[in-house]
Amino acid sequence: MSEPQPLSPAHPLTIAVVGDVHDLWDADDERALRHLGVDLVLLVGDFGNESLAVVEAIAHLSIPSAVVLGNHDAWYTATDWGRKKCPYDRRKENRFLRQLELLGDAHVGYRTREFPQLGLTVVGGRPCTWGGPEWKFSDFYQDYFDVGGMAESTDRIIAAADSAQHNTLIFIGHTGPTGMGSAPEDPCGRDWKPIGGDYGDPDFAAAIAHARAQGKSIPLVTFGHMHHQLRHRRDRPRRATHHDNHTLYLNAAAVPRILHTDDNCLRNFSLVTLENGTVTEASLVWLNADFSLYSKEVLYGAKAPLVGASGDR
C-alpha cells in the first residue's frame, strides 16, 4: 500500500478537541467523531482518577490522535494524600505507568507526534499539571519524567518543539500557558479562593514563545483543566478563547461533556477549522444520541452563532 499523501495546505482541516473527560467517554464517542468527519483528535487529559478503562478505550481510537495526561490521571500517584487514599494496592500495580504504556506514542507529554499527512506536528506540554506558578510534586516528575524543576520542564518542552519535523506546530497541554489574563473568568484564571490570578503554566508559555521566535507557525494551543463553569459565579461561563500573535488559545473543558436526559444523550466536542495554516473557526458543539447537531456555539470566528433545532442546551 502506498504512503498517504500530505493534504494540500489549502485543504481545510477539522480538529476535534476533547476536554476534561472525567469518566464520561463511551463507545459512541468514536462514532460521533467519525460522523463529524474530523481529521485529528486532541485529548487534553483528566480521563478519570487513573481510570484505565477510559484510557484504554481512548488508546484504541482509530482516528489520528494525540493525548496529554491531566492531574486526575495521576490522582493516586503524584501526591502524598492521593497515595494514602489509593483504592488499589500500589505494591502490586501502577495504574499511572499503565496509562503511559497503553497510550504509547499517542501520549505527547514532553514529546511530539508527527502527522505528515496533515503537514503538522503536535507538541505536548507538561503532563499531569495542576497549573500555577509554583513547581509541585517534585518526586513524581523526577521519578516518571526525569524533570527536576520548572527550568528543566521548560527545556524539555522546548527540546520537543525543536525536534518537530514540520514548521506548523499545534501545542496541547492539560493546563494552558500563562499570559491570557489573571481574572477568574479568563481561560486559566483562578476561580477559587483567593479569587483571581493567572494559573497557567509558565514553562508552557516559555516554550511556545521560544518556538514562535524560531519562526514556527503556531495556529493553535489547546488545553483544559479550568472548567468552563465557574466556581464563584453562575451568571456567565469562563472565557474559552484567547487570540494573540496569530495563535488561537482554546480551553476545551466543557464539563460534564456527556449529559443524559429522559429521552436523549448529549455529548460535546470542541471543533477547530484550520485553513491555510490559520484557525478560521472554533466552536463548541453538542450532538444528540443519533449524532445530529443539538447546538453549536461559535467561540472564535466570523460566523454568527448557530443553535440546533432542539434549542439551547
Protein backbone atom coordinates (compact mmCIF):
# COMPACT_ATOMS: atom_id res chain seq x y z
CA MET A 1 0.00 0.00 0.00
CA SER A 2 1.37 3.42 -0.94
CA GLU A 3 2.07 6.05 1.70
CA PRO A 4 -0.73 8.61 2.24
CA GLN A 5 -0.02 11.91 0.54
CA PRO A 6 0.01 15.09 2.65
CA LEU A 7 -3.14 17.13 2.36
CA SER A 8 -2.88 20.32 0.35
CA PRO A 9 -2.19 23.37 2.55
CA ALA A 10 -5.43 24.78 1.18
CA HIS A 11 -7.42 21.74 2.33
CA PRO A 12 -9.37 22.74 5.46
CA LEU A 13 -8.70 20.51 8.44
CA THR A 14 -11.26 19.72 11.10
CA ILE A 15 -9.70 19.16 14.51
CA ALA A 16 -11.72 17.87 17.46
CA VAL A 17 -10.52 18.75 20.95
CA VAL A 18 -11.86 16.62 23.78
CA GLY A 19 -11.83 18.48 27.07
CA ASP A 20 -11.76 17.01 30.55
CA VAL A 21 -13.49 13.62 30.26
CA HIS A 22 -13.84 12.72 33.96
CA ASP A 23 -15.01 9.17 33.14
CA LEU A 24 -17.59 10.36 30.58
CA TRP A 25 -16.44 8.50 27.48
CA ASP A 26 -18.18 5.63 25.73
CA ALA A 27 -18.20 3.64 22.50
CA ASP A 28 -20.37 6.25 20.79
CA ASP A 29 -17.64 8.89 21.08
CA GLU A 30 -15.58 7.47 18.22
CA ARG A 31 -18.77 7.05 16.17
CA ALA A 32 -19.59 10.68 16.84
CA LEU A 33 -16.12 11.80 15.80
CA ARG A 34 -16.42 9.86 12.57
CA HIS A 35 -19.83 11.40 11.95
CA LEU A 36 -18.23 14.83 12.37
CA GLY A 37 -15.57 13.89 9.80
CA VAL A 38 -12.62 15.06 11.87
CA ASP A 39 -9.06 14.74 10.61
CA LEU A 40 -7.38 14.84 14.02
CA VAL A 41 -8.43 14.36 17.65
CA LEU A 42 -6.61 16.10 20.51
CA LEU A 43 -7.37 14.92 24.05
CA VAL A 44 -6.18 17.14 26.89
CA GLY A 45 -6.43 14.82 29.88
CA ASP A 46 -8.35 14.23 33.09
CA PHE A 47 -9.85 11.00 31.81
CA GLY A 48 -10.65 9.98 35.39
CA ASN A 49 -8.82 9.20 38.60
CA GLU A 50 -6.32 6.84 36.97
CA SER A 51 -9.22 5.29 35.02
CA LEU A 52 -7.61 2.52 33.00
CA ALA A 53 -10.78 1.50 31.15
CA VAL A 54 -11.29 5.02 29.78
CA VAL A 55 -7.64 5.43 28.82
CA GLU A 56 -7.58 2.01 27.14
CA ALA A 57 -10.64 2.92 25.05
CA ILE A 58 -9.03 6.20 24.01
CA ALA A 59 -5.76 4.41 23.23
CA HIS A 60 -7.66 2.30 20.68
CA LEU A 61 -9.03 5.27 18.74
CA SER A 62 -8.57 4.61 15.04
CA ILE A 63 -8.66 8.30 14.15
CA PRO A 64 -5.29 10.16 14.20
CA SER A 65 -4.87 11.48 17.74
CA ALA A 66 -2.58 12.96 20.35
CA VAL A 67 -3.07 12.87 24.10
CA VAL A 68 -1.67 14.55 27.19
CA LEU A 69 -2.50 13.27 30.68
CA GLY A 70 -4.01 15.55 33.31
CA ASN A 71 -3.68 15.88 37.07
CA HIS A 72 -6.55 13.45 37.74
CA ASP A 73 -4.73 10.85 35.66
CA ALA A 74 -2.03 10.85 38.36
CA TRP A 75 -4.52 11.23 41.24
CA TYR A 76 -3.20 8.34 43.36
CA THR A 77 0.43 8.64 42.31
CA ALA A 78 1.61 12.26 42.36
CA THR A 79 0.65 13.35 45.88
CA ASP A 80 1.01 12.06 49.44
CA TRP A 81 -2.71 12.49 50.14
CA GLY A 82 -3.61 10.72 46.90
CA ARG A 83 -1.36 7.77 47.70
CA LYS A 84 -2.99 7.47 51.13
CA LYS A 85 -6.46 7.29 49.53
CA CYS A 86 -5.45 4.94 46.73
CA PRO A 87 -8.16 2.28 46.22
CA TYR A 88 -5.78 -0.29 44.75
CA ASP A 89 -2.62 -1.93 46.03
CA ARG A 90 0.21 0.21 44.68
CA ARG A 91 2.70 -2.53 45.65
CA LYS A 92 1.09 -4.81 43.05
CA GLU A 93 0.15 -2.44 40.26
CA ASN A 94 1.00 1.00 38.96
CA ARG A 95 -2.00 2.41 37.15
CA PHE A 96 -0.29 5.65 36.24
CA LEU A 97 2.52 3.82 34.46
CA ARG A 98 -0.03 1.53 32.85
CA GLN A 99 -1.76 4.55 31.31
CA LEU A 100 1.50 5.62 29.71
CA GLU A 101 2.02 2.09 28.40
CA LEU A 102 -1.50 1.95 26.94
CA LEU A 103 -1.17 5.30 25.17
CA GLY A 104 2.34 4.70 23.83
CA ASP A 105 3.32 7.20 21.15
CA ALA A 106 -0.09 8.90 21.36
CA HIS A 107 0.94 10.48 24.67
CA VAL A 108 2.82 13.66 23.82
CA GLY A 109 3.67 14.99 27.28
CA TYR A 110 7.19 16.46 26.84
CA ARG A 111 7.16 14.89 23.36
CA THR A 112 5.85 15.32 19.84
CA ARG A 113 3.72 13.36 17.44
CA GLU A 114 4.18 13.89 13.73
CA PHE A 115 1.26 14.00 11.31
CA PRO A 116 2.89 14.16 7.87
CA GLN A 117 -0.43 13.56 6.12
CA LEU A 118 -1.69 16.78 7.76
CA GLY A 119 1.57 18.71 7.45
CA LEU A 120 1.91 19.47 11.16
CA THR A 121 3.48 18.40 14.45
CA VAL A 122 1.66 18.21 17.78
CA VAL A 123 3.86 19.26 20.72
CA GLY A 124 2.92 18.31 24.28
CA GLY A 125 3.38 20.46 27.35
CA ARG A 126 3.97 19.27 30.89
CA PRO A 127 1.77 16.25 31.65
CA CYS A 128 -0.35 15.90 34.79
CA THR A 129 -0.05 19.57 35.71
CA TRP A 130 -2.25 21.24 38.32
CA GLY A 131 -1.36 24.68 36.92
CA GLY A 132 0.07 27.74 38.62
CA PRO A 133 3.43 29.44 39.04
CA GLU A 134 4.90 27.04 41.62
CA TRP A 135 6.70 23.79 40.89
CA LYS A 136 4.84 20.98 42.65
CA PHE A 137 5.20 17.22 43.16
CA SER A 138 8.95 17.13 42.56
CA ASP A 139 9.36 13.43 43.34
CA PHE A 140 6.65 12.47 40.85
CA TYR A 141 8.17 14.44 37.98
CA GLN A 142 11.67 13.23 38.81
CA ASP A 143 10.62 9.60 39.01
CA TYR A 144 8.42 9.42 35.92
CA PHE A 145 9.78 12.12 33.59
CA ASP A 146 13.32 12.82 34.87
CA VAL A 147 12.44 16.50 35.31
CA GLY A 148 13.75 18.31 38.36
CA GLY A 149 12.05 21.71 38.28
CA MET A 150 10.39 24.44 36.25
CA ALA A 151 13.54 25.32 34.30
CA GLU A 152 14.11 21.68 33.30
CA SER A 153 10.44 21.36 32.39
CA THR A 154 10.73 24.40 30.13
CA ASP A 155 13.82 22.93 28.49
CA ARG A 156 12.05 19.62 27.87
CA ILE A 157 9.11 21.25 26.09
CA ILE A 158 11.49 23.45 24.08
CA ALA A 159 13.54 20.40 23.08
CA ALA A 160 10.38 18.67 21.91
CA ALA A 161 9.37 21.69 19.83
CA ASP A 162 12.86 21.98 18.36
CA SER A 163 12.69 18.34 17.23
CA ALA A 164 9.49 18.89 15.23
CA GLN A 165 9.66 17.89 11.58
CA HIS A 166 7.14 20.46 10.42
CA ASN A 167 7.04 24.23 10.58
CA THR A 168 3.38 24.20 11.70
CA LEU A 169 3.04 23.28 15.36
CA ILE A 170 -0.02 22.67 17.50
CA PHE A 171 0.67 22.73 21.24
CA ILE A 172 -1.52 20.77 23.64
CA GLY A 173 -1.41 20.72 27.42
CA HIS A 174 -3.65 19.87 30.31
CA THR A 175 -3.34 23.40 31.68
CA GLY A 176 -2.84 26.31 29.32
CA PRO A 177 0.13 28.69 29.32
CA THR A 178 0.40 31.84 31.38
CA GLY A 179 -0.32 35.16 29.72
CA MET A 180 -4.06 35.05 28.97
CA GLY A 181 -5.19 37.15 31.91
CA SER A 182 -5.47 36.96 35.68
CA ALA A 183 -9.21 37.49 36.12
CA PRO A 184 -11.03 34.41 37.44
CA GLU A 185 -13.09 34.31 34.22
CA ASP A 186 -10.01 34.19 31.97
CA PRO A 187 -9.01 30.90 30.27
CA CYS A 188 -6.60 29.95 33.08
CA GLY A 189 -7.82 32.32 35.79
CA ARG A 190 -8.13 31.03 39.34
CA ASP A 191 -11.80 30.83 40.32
CA TRP A 192 -11.33 29.55 43.86
CA LYS A 193 -10.25 31.43 46.99
CA PRO A 194 -8.28 33.59 46.96
CA ILE A 195 -10.11 34.59 43.77
CA GLY A 196 -8.03 35.70 40.80
CA GLY A 197 -4.56 35.10 39.47
CA ASP A 198 -3.08 33.58 36.33
CA TYR A 199 -2.95 29.83 36.96
CA GLY A 200 -1.46 28.86 33.60
CA ASP A 201 1.87 27.06 33.23
CA PRO A 202 4.92 29.33 32.84
CA ASP A 203 7.03 26.55 31.29
CA PHE A 204 4.39 26.02 28.62
CA ALA A 205 4.31 29.76 27.85
CA ALA A 206 8.10 29.98 27.61
CA ALA A 207 8.29 27.04 25.20
CA ILE A 208 5.59 28.49 22.95
CA ALA A 209 7.41 31.84 22.90
CA HIS A 210 10.65 30.05 22.00
CA ALA A 211 9.05 28.18 19.10
CA ARG A 212 7.50 31.39 17.79
CA ALA A 213 10.88 33.12 17.97
CA GLN A 214 12.32 30.27 15.89
CA GLY A 215 9.89 31.14 13.12
CA LYS A 216 7.44 28.29 13.75
CA SER A 217 3.80 28.74 12.81
CA ILE A 218 1.56 28.07 15.82
CA PRO A 219 -2.09 28.32 14.78
CA LEU A 220 -3.49 26.54 17.85
CA VAL A 221 -2.70 25.98 21.52
CA THR A 222 -5.35 23.92 23.31
CA PHE A 223 -5.85 22.68 26.85
CA GLY A 224 -8.44 22.09 29.58
CA HIS A 225 -8.25 21.78 33.39
CA MET A 226 -10.08 25.05 34.18
CA HIS A 227 -13.73 24.15 33.62
CA HIS A 228 -15.99 26.47 31.66
CA GLN A 229 -18.48 26.50 34.54
CA LEU A 230 -17.03 28.86 37.11
CA ARG A 231 -16.98 28.01 40.80
CA HIS A 232 -17.58 31.53 42.10
CA ARG A 233 -20.42 32.63 39.79
CA ARG A 234 -23.15 31.10 37.62
CA ASP A 235 -24.21 34.10 35.55
CA ARG A 236 -21.55 33.55 32.89
CA PRO A 237 -19.05 30.87 31.80
CA ARG A 238 -15.29 31.08 31.66
CA ARG A 239 -13.82 32.78 28.59
CA ALA A 240 -12.85 29.82 26.43
CA THR A 241 -10.60 31.51 23.86
CA HIS A 242 -7.76 33.98 23.58
CA HIS A 243 -6.10 35.17 20.38
CA ASP A 244 -2.59 36.58 20.20
CA ASN A 245 0.28 36.58 17.67
CA HIS A 246 -1.80 34.69 15.08
CA THR A 247 -2.42 31.89 17.61
CA LEU A 248 -5.78 30.77 18.96
CA TYR A 249 -5.69 29.55 22.55
CA LEU A 250 -8.64 27.26 23.27
CA ASN A 251 -9.85 25.94 26.63
CA ALA A 252 -11.94 22.85 25.80
CA ALA A 253 -13.04 21.89 29.33
CA ALA A 254 -16.83 21.98 28.94
CA VAL A 255 -17.77 19.74 31.87
CA PRO A 256 -19.67 17.45 32.09
CA ARG A 257 -19.03 16.52 28.47
CA ILE A 258 -21.87 13.98 28.33
CA LEU A 259 -25.37 14.77 29.62
CA HIS A 260 -28.18 12.23 29.93
CA THR A 261 -31.80 13.33 29.82
CA ASP A 262 -35.01 11.29 29.94
CA ASP A 263 -35.07 10.90 26.16
CA ASN A 264 -31.63 11.89 24.90
CA CYS A 265 -27.87 11.70 25.39
CA LEU A 266 -25.87 14.82 24.59
CA ARG A 267 -22.09 14.91 24.15
CA ASN A 268 -19.77 17.80 23.38
CA PHE A 269 -16.63 18.33 21.34
CA SER A 270 -14.70 21.47 20.58
CA LEU A 271 -14.16 21.77 16.84
CA VAL A 272 -11.43 23.82 15.18
CA THR A 273 -11.22 24.55 11.45
CA LEU A 274 -7.69 25.10 10.15
CA GLU A 275 -7.34 26.61 6.68
CA ASN A 276 -4.02 27.58 5.07
CA GLY A 277 -2.33 27.25 8.45
CA THR A 278 -4.79 29.60 10.18
CA VAL A 279 -7.68 28.88 12.53
CA THR A 280 -10.81 30.26 10.89
CA GLU A 281 -13.35 28.97 13.40
CA ALA A 282 -13.57 27.30 16.79
CA SER A 283 -16.85 26.11 18.22
CA LEU A 284 -18.37 24.02 20.97
CA VAL A 285 -20.85 21.53 19.55
CA TRP A 286 -23.33 19.28 21.32
CA LEU A 287 -24.57 16.21 19.49
CA ASN A 288 -27.77 14.26 20.01
CA ALA A 289 -27.83 10.50 20.59
CA ASP A 290 -28.10 9.99 16.81
CA PHE A 291 -25.06 12.31 16.32
CA SER A 292 -27.15 15.07 14.75
CA LEU A 293 -26.39 18.63 15.83
CA TYR A 294 -28.13 19.71 19.01
CA SER A 295 -26.38 23.05 19.38
CA LYS A 296 -23.33 24.92 18.20
CA GLU A 297 -21.68 27.86 19.93
CA VAL A 298 -19.09 29.68 17.82
CA LEU A 299 -16.27 30.59 20.21
CA TYR A 300 -13.99 32.19 17.62
CA GLY A 301 -14.54 33.20 14.01
CA ALA A 302 -16.57 35.49 11.82
CA LYS A 303 -19.68 33.31 11.55
CA ALA A 304 -22.72 34.08 13.67
CA PRO A 305 -23.65 31.54 16.38
CA LEU A 306 -25.89 28.71 15.20
CA VAL A 307 -28.30 26.90 17.52
CA GLY A 308 -29.55 23.47 16.54
CA ALA A 309 -33.17 22.59 16.01
CA SER A 310 -33.66 21.40 19.57
CA GLY A 311 -32.84 24.81 21.00
CA ASP A 312 -30.40 25.93 23.65
CA ARG A 313 -28.83 23.42 26.00
